[in-house]
Protein backbone atom coordinates (compact mmCIF):
# COMPACT_ATOMS: atom_id res chain seq x y z
CA MET A 1 91.98 -145.90 141.96
CA ASN A 2 95.37 -144.20 142.05
CA ARG A 3 96.98 -142.37 139.21
CA SER A 4 99.19 -145.29 138.06
CA ARG A 5 96.33 -147.70 137.92
CA ILE A 6 94.31 -145.30 135.82
CA THR A 7 97.24 -144.85 133.50
CA ILE A 8 97.53 -148.59 133.13
CA PHE A 9 93.72 -149.01 132.57
CA LEU A 10 93.70 -146.26 129.94
CA TYR A 11 96.79 -147.71 128.27
CA THR A 12 95.43 -151.25 128.10
CA PHE A 13 91.92 -149.86 127.01
CA CYS A 14 93.57 -147.91 124.19
CA LEU A 15 95.78 -150.83 123.16
CA GLY A 16 92.73 -153.08 122.99
CA ILE A 17 90.96 -150.49 120.65
CA LEU A 18 94.17 -150.31 118.49
CA CYS A 19 94.61 -153.99 118.26
CA ASN A 20 90.85 -154.37 117.23
CA ASN A 21 91.12 -151.60 114.56
CA LEU A 22 94.29 -153.38 113.27
CA SER A 23 92.63 -156.67 113.14
CA PHE A 24 89.78 -155.32 111.29
CA ALA A 25 92.05 -153.50 108.86
CA GLN A 26 93.91 -156.84 108.26
CA GLU A 27 90.62 -158.61 107.61
CA SER A 28 89.63 -155.88 105.22
CA ASP A 29 92.94 -155.91 103.57
CA PHE A 30 92.55 -159.73 102.83
CA VAL A 31 89.39 -159.15 101.00
CA THR A 32 90.49 -155.99 99.15
CA ARG A 33 93.77 -157.69 98.02
CA SER A 34 91.81 -160.47 96.45
CA PHE A 35 89.54 -158.19 94.58
CA GLN A 36 92.42 -155.99 93.49
CA LYS A 37 94.18 -158.96 92.04
CA ALA A 38 90.95 -159.96 90.09
CA SER A 39 90.50 -156.60 88.52
CA PRO A 40 93.27 -156.50 85.79
CA LEU A 41 92.56 -160.20 85.11
CA TYR A 42 88.93 -159.54 84.39
CA ASP A 43 89.80 -156.60 82.50
CA ASN A 44 91.81 -158.80 80.11
CA LEU A 45 89.05 -161.41 79.96
CA LEU A 46 86.54 -158.65 79.04
CA ALA A 47 88.75 -157.37 76.35
CA LYS A 48 89.26 -160.87 75.04
CA THR A 49 85.57 -161.63 74.93
CA ALA A 50 84.35 -158.19 73.86
CA GLY A 51 81.15 -158.45 71.79
CA ASN A 52 81.14 -162.25 71.75
CA PHE A 53 78.10 -163.09 73.82
CA LYS A 54 78.04 -166.81 72.47
CA ASP A 55 81.13 -168.20 74.16
CA TYR A 56 81.38 -168.11 77.95
CA PRO A 57 84.83 -168.14 79.51
CA HIS A 58 85.18 -171.55 81.47
CA SER A 59 88.87 -172.46 81.92
CA LEU A 60 92.12 -172.74 80.11
CA TYR A 61 93.73 -175.33 77.73
CA GLU A 62 97.25 -176.56 78.31
CA ASN A 63 98.47 -174.00 75.68
CA GLY A 64 97.08 -171.12 77.59
CA GLU A 65 94.15 -170.40 75.37
CA ILE A 66 90.71 -169.74 76.90
CA LYS A 67 88.33 -172.60 77.00
CA TYR A 68 84.85 -171.45 76.40
CA LEU A 69 81.42 -173.20 76.73
CA GLN A 70 78.44 -172.25 74.85
CA ILE A 71 75.28 -170.57 75.94
CA ASP A 72 73.41 -173.94 76.49
CA GLU A 73 76.16 -175.40 78.76
CA TRP A 74 76.27 -175.30 82.51
CA THR A 75 78.80 -172.65 83.51
CA GLY A 76 77.51 -169.58 81.40
CA GLY A 77 76.10 -167.73 84.55
CA PHE A 78 79.25 -167.75 86.41
CA TRP A 79 81.07 -165.30 84.42
CA PRO A 80 78.28 -162.55 84.60
CA GLY A 81 77.91 -163.54 88.37
CA ALA A 82 81.66 -162.85 88.90
CA LEU A 83 81.27 -159.43 87.28
CA TRP A 84 78.16 -158.73 89.53
CA TYR A 85 80.49 -159.50 92.62
CA MET A 86 83.16 -157.10 91.28
CA TYR A 87 80.57 -154.42 91.00
CA GLU A 88 79.18 -155.12 94.48
CA PHE A 89 82.65 -154.70 96.03
CA THR A 90 84.06 -151.87 93.89
CA LYS A 91 80.92 -149.89 93.08
CA ASP A 92 82.64 -149.26 89.64
CA GLU A 93 80.07 -148.77 86.95
CA LYS A 94 82.30 -150.50 84.32
CA TRP A 95 81.64 -153.89 86.11
CA LYS A 96 77.90 -153.19 86.23
CA THR A 97 77.72 -152.41 82.51
CA ALA A 98 79.62 -155.61 81.65
CA ALA A 99 77.52 -157.68 83.99
CA LEU A 100 74.37 -156.42 82.49
CA ALA A 101 75.45 -157.19 78.99
CA TRP A 102 76.62 -160.74 79.84
CA THR A 103 73.48 -161.43 81.89
CA ASN A 104 71.19 -160.33 79.25
CA SER A 105 73.01 -162.46 76.80
CA LEU A 106 71.66 -165.52 78.50
CA GLU A 107 67.99 -164.65 78.09
CA SER A 108 67.05 -167.60 75.77
CA ASN A 109 68.26 -170.09 78.38
CA GLN A 110 65.02 -169.53 80.40
CA TYR A 111 63.68 -172.16 77.92
CA ASN A 112 66.52 -174.58 78.26
CA THR A 113 65.13 -178.06 79.32
CA ALA A 114 68.18 -180.20 78.17
CA HIS A 115 69.87 -180.62 81.55
CA HIS A 116 69.29 -179.51 85.23
CA ASP A 117 71.97 -176.71 85.47
CA ILE A 118 69.42 -173.92 84.67
CA GLY A 119 69.90 -172.73 88.25
CA PHE A 120 73.53 -172.26 87.85
CA MET A 121 73.11 -170.44 84.53
CA MET A 122 70.20 -168.20 85.39
CA TYR A 123 70.28 -167.55 89.19
CA CYS A 124 73.95 -166.76 89.28
CA SER A 125 73.46 -164.15 86.49
CA TYR A 126 69.83 -162.82 86.80
CA GLY A 127 69.58 -163.67 90.52
CA ASN A 128 72.57 -161.45 91.31
CA ALA A 129 71.37 -158.74 88.75
CA LEU A 130 68.14 -158.25 90.64
CA ARG A 131 70.11 -157.21 93.65
CA PHE A 132 71.23 -154.05 91.79
CA VAL A 133 68.90 -153.33 89.01
CA LYS A 134 65.03 -153.15 88.72
CA ASP A 135 64.04 -154.67 85.48
CA GLU A 136 60.45 -156.05 85.12
CA SER A 137 61.57 -158.80 82.87
CA TYR A 138 64.12 -160.38 85.11
CA PRO A 139 61.68 -161.99 87.59
CA LYS A 140 59.58 -163.33 84.65
CA ILE A 141 62.72 -164.80 83.14
CA LEU A 142 63.61 -166.39 86.39
CA ILE A 143 60.22 -167.86 86.74
CA GLN A 144 60.18 -169.25 83.37
CA SER A 145 63.73 -170.76 84.04
CA ALA A 146 62.15 -172.44 87.09
CA LYS A 147 59.31 -173.89 85.04
CA SER A 148 61.94 -175.23 82.43
CA LEU A 149 63.88 -176.88 85.46
CA CYS A 150 60.62 -178.36 86.79
CA GLN A 151 59.99 -180.12 83.52
CA ARG A 152 62.75 -182.47 84.49
CA TYR A 153 61.01 -183.38 87.74
CA SER A 154 59.35 -186.75 88.30
CA PRO A 155 56.93 -187.34 91.14
CA VAL A 156 57.57 -190.95 90.90
CA VAL A 157 61.24 -190.53 91.48
CA GLY A 158 60.86 -187.43 93.67
CA SER A 159 63.83 -185.82 92.06
CA ILE A 160 64.91 -183.57 89.16
CA GLN A 161 66.64 -185.53 86.45
CA SER A 162 70.16 -184.21 86.07
CA TRP A 163 71.30 -185.77 82.82
CA ASN A 164 69.26 -187.50 80.13
CA LYS A 165 69.49 -191.22 79.66
CA ARG A 166 72.94 -192.22 78.91
CA LYS A 167 75.59 -194.85 79.26
CA SER A 168 77.62 -194.63 82.62
CA LYS A 169 81.16 -193.94 82.80
CA GLY A 170 82.87 -196.95 81.21
CA ASP A 171 79.62 -198.17 79.79
CA ILE A 172 79.16 -200.37 82.75
CA ASN A 173 75.46 -199.95 82.80
CA THR A 174 72.85 -197.37 81.50
CA TRP A 175 71.85 -194.39 83.75
CA GLU A 176 68.20 -194.37 83.17
CA TYR A 177 67.33 -191.44 85.39
CA PRO A 178 70.64 -190.08 86.90
CA VAL A 179 70.60 -187.49 89.71
CA ILE A 180 73.81 -185.93 90.92
CA MET A 181 74.61 -184.15 94.10
CA ASP A 182 75.36 -180.90 92.04
CA ASN A 183 71.69 -180.59 91.41
CA MET A 184 71.14 -179.27 95.08
CA MET A 185 72.62 -176.04 93.87
CA ASN A 186 69.70 -175.46 91.38
CA LEU A 187 67.12 -175.50 94.11
CA GLU A 188 67.61 -171.86 95.13
CA LEU A 189 66.13 -170.86 91.80
CA LEU A 190 62.85 -172.80 92.65
CA PHE A 191 62.52 -171.17 96.02
CA TYR A 192 62.82 -167.74 94.42
CA ALA A 193 60.26 -168.60 91.73
CA SER A 194 57.87 -169.76 94.48
CA LYS A 195 58.23 -166.66 96.55
CA THR A 196 58.04 -164.30 93.64
CA SER A 197 55.16 -165.93 91.67
CA GLY A 198 53.23 -167.42 94.74
CA ASP A 199 53.23 -170.73 93.03
CA THR A 200 53.98 -173.28 95.75
CA SER A 201 54.66 -176.18 93.30
CA PHE A 202 58.19 -174.75 92.85
CA ARG A 203 58.88 -174.99 96.51
CA HIS A 204 57.42 -178.42 96.68
CA VAL A 205 59.64 -179.74 93.97
CA ALA A 206 62.71 -178.26 95.75
CA ILE A 207 61.86 -179.84 99.07
CA LYS A 208 61.06 -183.32 97.52
CA HIS A 209 64.30 -183.25 95.68
CA ALA A 210 66.36 -182.23 98.80
CA GLU A 211 64.52 -185.07 100.68
CA GLN A 212 65.47 -187.66 98.15
CA THR A 213 69.05 -186.58 97.91
CA MET A 214 69.29 -186.60 101.62
CA LYS A 215 67.89 -190.17 101.62
CA ASN A 216 69.81 -191.63 98.78
CA HIS A 217 73.01 -189.70 98.15
CA LEU A 218 74.42 -189.80 101.71
CA ARG A 219 76.22 -192.51 103.46
CA ALA A 220 76.10 -193.23 107.34
CA ASP A 221 79.09 -190.89 107.86
CA TYR A 222 77.53 -188.11 105.68
CA SER A 223 79.98 -188.68 102.87
CA SER A 224 78.15 -188.45 99.47
CA TYR A 225 77.79 -190.39 96.26
CA HIS A 226 78.00 -188.33 93.20
CA VAL A 227 75.48 -190.16 90.88
CA VAL A 228 72.28 -191.95 91.90
CA ASN A 229 70.65 -193.73 89.16
CA TYR A 230 66.75 -194.34 89.49
CA ASP A 231 64.27 -196.37 87.70
CA PRO A 232 61.98 -193.77 86.24
CA LYS A 233 59.04 -196.12 86.24
CA THR A 234 59.12 -197.15 89.88
CA GLY A 235 61.43 -194.70 91.53
CA LYS A 236 63.70 -197.56 92.71
CA VAL A 237 67.38 -196.94 93.17
CA LEU A 238 69.42 -198.85 90.51
CA HIS A 239 72.93 -197.75 91.16
CA LYS A 240 75.01 -195.41 93.19
CA GLN A 241 78.21 -194.37 91.33
CA THR A 242 80.51 -191.66 90.37
CA LEU A 243 81.48 -189.71 87.25
CA GLN A 244 84.09 -187.34 88.37
CA GLY A 245 85.31 -189.03 91.55
CA PHE A 246 87.91 -191.52 92.19
CA SER A 247 85.66 -194.49 92.64
CA ASP A 248 81.98 -195.13 93.21
CA GLY A 249 82.47 -195.46 96.96
CA SER A 250 84.76 -192.52 97.29
CA THR A 251 83.83 -188.98 98.16
CA TRP A 252 84.43 -186.53 95.38
CA ALA A 253 85.44 -183.29 97.07
CA ARG A 254 83.40 -180.90 94.93
CA GLY A 255 80.24 -182.92 95.36
CA GLN A 256 80.71 -182.80 99.11
CA ALA A 257 80.98 -179.03 98.87
CA TRP A 258 77.93 -178.92 96.72
CA GLY A 259 76.08 -180.75 99.34
CA ILE A 260 77.18 -178.46 102.17
CA TYR A 261 76.30 -175.38 100.18
CA GLY A 262 72.96 -176.78 98.87
CA PHE A 263 71.56 -178.08 102.12
CA THR A 264 72.39 -174.86 103.80
CA THR A 265 70.39 -173.03 101.18
CA VAL A 266 67.50 -175.44 101.60
CA TYR A 267 67.54 -174.95 105.41
CA ARG A 268 67.58 -171.05 104.90
CA GLU A 269 64.40 -171.28 102.77
CA THR A 270 62.52 -173.84 104.93
CA LYS A 271 63.94 -173.67 108.40
CA ASP A 272 63.50 -177.51 108.50
CA LYS A 273 66.07 -178.74 110.95
CA ARG A 274 66.61 -181.98 108.97
CA PHE A 275 68.41 -179.86 106.31
CA LEU A 276 70.54 -177.98 108.86
CA LYS A 277 71.57 -181.24 110.39
CA THR A 278 72.50 -182.56 107.04
CA ALA A 279 74.48 -179.52 106.11
CA MET A 280 76.35 -179.66 109.40
CA LYS A 281 77.08 -183.36 109.12
CA MET A 282 78.40 -182.86 105.56
CA ALA A 283 80.52 -180.05 106.67
CA ASP A 284 81.93 -182.05 109.47
CA TYR A 285 82.94 -184.84 107.02
CA PHE A 286 84.73 -182.21 104.99
CA ILE A 287 86.68 -180.14 107.52
CA ASP A 288 87.37 -182.93 110.04
CA ASN A 289 88.56 -185.31 107.50
CA PRO A 290 91.95 -186.67 108.19
CA ASN A 291 92.79 -186.46 104.43
CA LEU A 292 92.20 -182.81 104.21
CA PRO A 293 95.55 -181.20 103.76
CA ILE A 294 96.92 -178.68 106.43
CA ASP A 295 96.08 -175.75 104.12
CA LYS A 296 92.29 -176.96 104.03
CA ILE A 297 92.32 -176.99 100.38
CA PRO A 298 91.17 -180.59 99.47
CA PHE A 299 92.51 -183.16 97.09
CA TRP A 300 90.02 -183.50 94.25
CA ASP A 301 88.62 -186.78 95.93
CA PHE A 302 89.04 -187.47 99.75
CA ASN A 303 89.80 -191.04 99.11
CA VAL A 304 92.04 -191.00 96.12
CA GLY A 305 94.63 -193.72 96.07
CA GLN A 306 93.39 -195.29 99.46
CA ALA A 307 93.05 -199.05 99.96
CA GLY A 308 89.51 -200.25 99.63
CA PHE A 309 88.63 -197.70 96.87
CA LYS A 310 89.01 -199.21 93.39
CA PRO A 311 88.53 -197.00 90.31
CA ASP A 312 86.84 -198.51 87.26
CA TRP A 313 88.97 -196.42 85.05
CA ASN A 314 92.71 -196.26 84.33
CA TYR A 315 93.87 -193.99 87.10
CA GLU A 316 97.55 -194.59 86.32
CA ALA A 317 97.12 -193.25 82.78
CA VAL A 318 96.31 -189.83 83.86
CA LYS A 319 99.64 -187.99 84.23
CA PHE A 320 100.30 -185.29 87.04
CA LYS A 321 103.28 -184.49 89.21
CA GLU A 322 101.39 -184.72 92.73
CA THR A 323 97.68 -185.51 93.50
CA PRO A 324 95.79 -182.48 92.26
CA ARG A 325 93.95 -180.30 94.63
CA ASP A 326 90.41 -178.66 93.83
CA ALA A 327 90.38 -174.97 94.79
CA SER A 328 86.82 -174.90 93.41
CA ALA A 329 85.60 -177.27 96.19
CA ALA A 330 87.16 -175.16 98.77
CA ALA A 331 85.66 -172.01 97.37
CA ILE A 332 82.32 -173.53 97.32
CA ALA A 333 82.61 -175.06 100.72
CA SER A 334 83.85 -171.82 102.24
CA SER A 335 80.97 -169.98 100.99
CA GLY A 336 78.50 -172.55 102.15
CA LEU A 337 80.20 -172.77 105.62
CA LEU A 338 80.03 -169.01 106.04
CA GLU A 339 76.31 -168.89 105.64
CA LEU A 340 75.83 -172.09 107.65
CA SER A 341 77.63 -170.37 110.61
CA THR A 342 75.06 -167.52 110.54
CA PHE A 343 72.37 -170.01 111.62
CA LEU A 344 74.33 -171.35 114.63
CA LYS A 345 75.58 -170.19 117.90
CA GLY A 346 78.53 -170.72 120.14
CA LYS A 347 81.03 -173.56 119.33
CA GLU A 348 79.21 -174.65 116.33
CA LYS A 349 79.12 -171.25 114.87
CA LYS A 350 82.83 -170.62 115.53
CA LYS A 351 83.85 -173.96 114.17
CA TYR A 352 82.29 -173.44 110.60
CA PHE A 353 83.17 -169.79 110.49
CA ASN A 354 86.83 -170.62 111.29
CA ALA A 355 86.95 -173.45 108.95
CA ALA A 356 85.69 -171.19 106.12
CA VAL A 357 88.16 -168.40 107.00
CA ALA A 358 91.04 -170.84 107.01
CA MET A 359 90.07 -171.97 103.47
CA LEU A 360 89.66 -168.36 102.23
CA ARG A 361 93.18 -167.37 103.65
CA SER A 362 94.67 -170.36 101.73
CA LEU A 363 92.94 -169.55 98.62
CA GLY A 364 94.05 -165.95 99.02
CA SER A 365 97.64 -166.83 99.39
CA ASP A 366 100.21 -166.71 96.72
CA LYS A 367 99.90 -170.51 96.12
CA TYR A 368 96.33 -170.44 94.98
CA LEU A 369 95.73 -166.69 93.99
CA ASN A 370 96.92 -165.60 90.69
CA VAL A 371 99.05 -162.85 92.07
CA ASP A 372 101.68 -162.90 89.30
CA GLN A 373 99.24 -163.29 86.49
CA GLN A 374 100.57 -166.90 85.64
CA ASN A 375 97.51 -166.69 83.31
CA PRO A 376 96.06 -163.44 82.22
CA TYR A 377 92.38 -164.19 82.83
CA PHE A 378 91.34 -166.09 85.95
CA LEU A 379 91.76 -165.49 89.71
CA LEU A 380 92.37 -168.83 91.31
CA LYS A 381 94.78 -171.48 90.44
CA HIS A 382 94.80 -175.26 90.99
CA SER A 383 91.20 -176.44 90.44
CA THR A 384 90.26 -179.87 88.95
CA GLY A 385 87.33 -180.12 86.77
CA ASN A 386 87.03 -183.95 85.64
CA LEU A 387 90.07 -185.87 86.36
CA PRO A 388 88.66 -189.34 85.29
CA SER A 389 88.11 -188.06 81.93
CA GLY A 390 91.54 -186.45 81.77
CA ARG A 391 90.00 -182.88 81.57
CA GLU A 392 90.74 -179.64 83.48
CA ILE A 393 93.42 -180.90 85.78
CA ASP A 394 95.17 -178.29 87.71
CA VAL A 395 93.64 -175.37 86.00
CA PRO A 396 91.65 -172.26 86.68
CA LEU A 397 87.87 -172.63 86.58
CA ILE A 398 85.40 -169.76 86.39
CA TYR A 399 83.16 -171.26 88.92
CA ALA A 400 86.02 -171.43 91.43
CA ASP A 401 86.46 -167.60 90.93
CA TYR A 402 82.74 -167.05 91.34
CA TYR A 403 82.28 -168.89 94.50
CA PHE A 404 85.56 -167.40 95.97
CA LEU A 405 84.37 -163.86 95.41
CA GLU A 406 80.99 -164.86 96.86
CA ALA A 407 82.61 -166.12 99.82
CA LEU A 408 84.85 -163.07 100.30
CA LEU A 409 81.70 -160.81 100.23
CA ARG A 410 79.80 -163.13 102.73
CA TYR A 411 82.97 -163.02 104.97
CA GLN A 412 83.17 -159.18 104.79
CA LYS A 413 79.57 -158.80 105.70
CA ILE A 414 79.84 -161.04 108.63
CA ILE A 415 82.91 -159.27 110.09
CA LYS A 416 81.33 -156.03 109.73
């Protein structure tokens, strides 16, 4: 090889290294920027909530005041969980101190049997805490939490009851034994309890619930129903409906995201290919959907306003300038897709990873990230909680922040 060829080779080689380093730096900057933007917001939120371990930040009202939920409601675990993610990224002890205090405030919830959300409340808080502190009481608290969750399981139905018996939306019928897609997210707690205690009954309940959800919540195209109502005496499916979606036959975006994430988790714990296939097919519906906007942040429902989908509520009465997005659905889906990609190879791995990155880049853009502190407390903008009820439309939501931070950390671990 002559001198000129050697020079060209060395130049190309060094340029390649430089480009790779620049690419890595850009990826790292993307993650770092998001956490940096979160820091002053969460400082404000900590100051606002100082000493108050009864009210858990959830969202904002129209007047800019913080909307809190109480200890027994479903989103309490996301605030301490977000603080744990801040500590994981920054290693700043102030976040650990705050995370411990807010986590410990939830201890009494280990006995909560009023609804199915015990996994959200306790595993997002205590489950994250266990990764950073050794406290002998924490596994016991989580095992008791799993026992409380299992009190809502019926072997006749084969599912964990999400809500107590209630009238359906619009009082169309009675939900005798309602099970919602969101419930897939609580199964991770049961797998943890089974591994920690050695009691396989927790695992059995989780798998049976996932199987029934796979059987009854999914349509042929792997879109999902929000609510399936069962007869508690026979296990028969009585109704398939929605509470937070556009219509009973439509696909509520966050529900689809819960499914992607939840079935990926169940596959991780079981290595049962049925659950992997389900997670992939639900992911395909989400990311290949022709109604997914170009920035990959979904509208709150994939079928909103489309012909053939008729709501049983007054859609026209809900006022908004343009069809609301749901950043929380994108945050949840991106986190689930990143984990899903780690179980695959080749084109499939690349497809789900790239889709997740596209969502994260959009969420990290000025459109969705609270870069100018339009509100003083929350990181992500433009989420939708419950549009049919006229609540939480185009607002920040604490669980959007939680899953966004989780996804950023998962992303960082993969690219390293």
